[in-house]
Protein backbone atom coordinates (compact mmCIF):
# COMPACT_ATOMS: atom_id res chain seq x y z
CA MET A 1 26.02 -4.55 -0.84
CA TYR A 2 22.34 -4.79 -2.51
CA CYS A 3 19.26 -5.51 -0.44
CA LYS A 4 17.50 -8.81 -2.30
CA THR A 5 14.43 -7.01 -1.44
CA CYS A 6 14.94 -3.69 -3.76
CA GLY A 7 17.69 -3.67 -5.69
CA LYS A 8 19.08 -0.77 -3.77
CA GLU A 9 22.40 0.05 -2.27
CA VAL A 10 22.41 -0.79 1.24
CA ASN A 11 25.59 -0.74 3.84
CA ASP A 12 27.89 -3.30 4.13
CA ASN A 13 27.53 -3.91 8.32
CA ALA A 14 23.09 -3.02 7.56
CA GLU A 15 21.08 -5.61 9.03
CA ILE A 16 17.79 -4.13 7.83
CA CYS A 17 17.36 -1.93 4.77
CA PRO A 18 16.52 0.87 5.34
CA HIS A 19 14.56 1.97 1.63
CA CYS A 20 12.39 -1.30 2.07
CA GLY A 21 13.00 -2.76 5.87
CA CYS A 22 13.79 -6.35 4.45
CA ARG A 23 15.94 -8.06 7.21
CA LEU A 24 19.82 -7.76 5.13
CA LYS A 25 22.18 -10.30 7.64
CA GLY A 26 22.74 -14.36 5.62
CA VAL A 27 21.76 -12.28 2.29
CA SER A 28 24.70 -13.29 -0.39
CA VAL A 29 24.49 -10.74 -3.41
CA ARG A 30 26.64 -11.29 -6.38
CA GLU A 31 29.36 -8.85 -7.17
CA GLU A 32 28.27 -9.55 -11.30
CA ASP A 33 24.59 -8.04 -10.32
CA ALA A 34 23.79 -4.39 -12.15
CA LYS A 35 21.01 -3.09 -13.36
CA SER A 36 20.33 -4.30 -17.28
CA VAL A 37 19.48 -1.97 -20.13
CA GLY A 38 19.56 -4.69 -22.80
CA PHE A 39 17.62 -7.24 -20.72
CA GLY A 40 15.04 -4.23 -19.90
CA VAL A 41 14.12 -3.88 -23.30
CA LEU A 42 14.20 -8.38 -24.06
CA GLY A 43 11.48 -7.66 -21.48
CA PHE A 44 9.61 -5.59 -23.13
CA PHE A 45 9.35 -7.44 -26.69
CA PHE A 46 9.32 -10.03 -25.07
CA PRO A 47 7.03 -9.61 -21.08
CA LEU A 48 6.43 -13.79 -21.01
CA ILE A 49 10.71 -14.56 -20.79
CA GLY A 50 11.03 -10.96 -18.83
CA LEU A 51 8.28 -12.78 -16.60
CA ILE A 52 10.81 -15.87 -16.21
CA LEU A 53 13.22 -13.89 -16.16
CA TYR A 54 12.62 -12.13 -13.07
CA LEU A 55 11.35 -15.40 -11.20
CA VAL A 56 14.17 -16.86 -11.67
CA TRP A 57 16.69 -13.88 -11.00
CA LYS A 58 14.94 -12.28 -8.25
CA ASP A 59 17.21 -14.28 -5.20
CA GLN A 60 20.50 -13.98 -7.19
CA TYR A 61 21.02 -11.10 -8.91
CA PRO A 62 18.12 -8.67 -7.89
CA LEU A 63 18.98 -5.58 -10.04
CA ARG A 64 19.31 -7.54 -13.16
CA ALA A 65 15.49 -9.49 -12.21
CA LYS A 66 14.08 -5.61 -10.84
CA SER A 67 15.49 -4.11 -14.37
CA THR A 68 13.92 -7.72 -16.65
CA GLY A 69 9.96 -7.39 -14.23
CA LYS A 70 9.96 -3.94 -15.07
CA GLY A 71 10.42 -4.09 -18.94
CA ALA A 72 8.55 -6.79 -18.79
CA LEU A 73 5.51 -4.70 -16.62
CA ILE A 74 5.39 -1.82 -19.01
CA GLY A 75 5.50 -4.00 -22.34
CA VAL A 76 1.68 -5.93 -20.92
CA ILE A 77 0.48 -2.28 -19.70
CA VAL A 78 1.22 -1.57 -23.08
CA GLU A 79 0.64 -4.13 -24.82
CA VAL A 80 -3.40 -3.61 -23.32
CA ALA A 81 -3.51 -0.16 -24.51
CA ILE A 82 -2.47 -0.98 -27.74
CA TYR A 83 -5.36 -4.01 -27.90
CA ILE A 84 -7.42 -1.53 -26.50
CA ILE A 85 -7.25 1.66 -28.81
CA VAL A 86 -7.46 -0.90 -31.91
CA ILE A 87 -10.21 -2.56 -30.49
CA ALA A 88 -12.18 1.11 -29.79
CA ILE A 89 -10.96 2.10 -33.48
CA SER A 90 -12.86 -1.16 -34.53
CA VAL A 91 -15.57 -0.24 -33.37
CA ALA A 92 -16.09 3.07 -33.97
CA VAL A 93 -14.77 2.08 -37.63
CA GLY A 94 -18.16 -0.28 -37.74
CA THR A 95 -20.34 1.91 -36.70
CA GLN A 96 -19.60 4.44 -39.48
CA VAL A 97 -19.55 1.95 -42.19
CA ARG A 98 -23.54 -0.13 -40.99
CA ARG A 99 -25.07 3.69 -41.84
């Protein structure tokens, strides 16, 4: 069985997740749930879609949702970093041209 909150594997008889402390009884996770590199890559290149899929899947497919959410988060961070670098280069080049 897997914890629906953190997605880590736990004992089938556990009542509380030893990793995050979330209550497990009454939680059912589908066996076809697994980490997915493909959905992580999708979330990386299309963060909005990754966020939507994370929100839709977080209860039913926690491992797949976690992969997709991580991809979306990393994609947003990379896009913001690239945006900041491009702005910094534009300002530096603009300052050089004016001299």
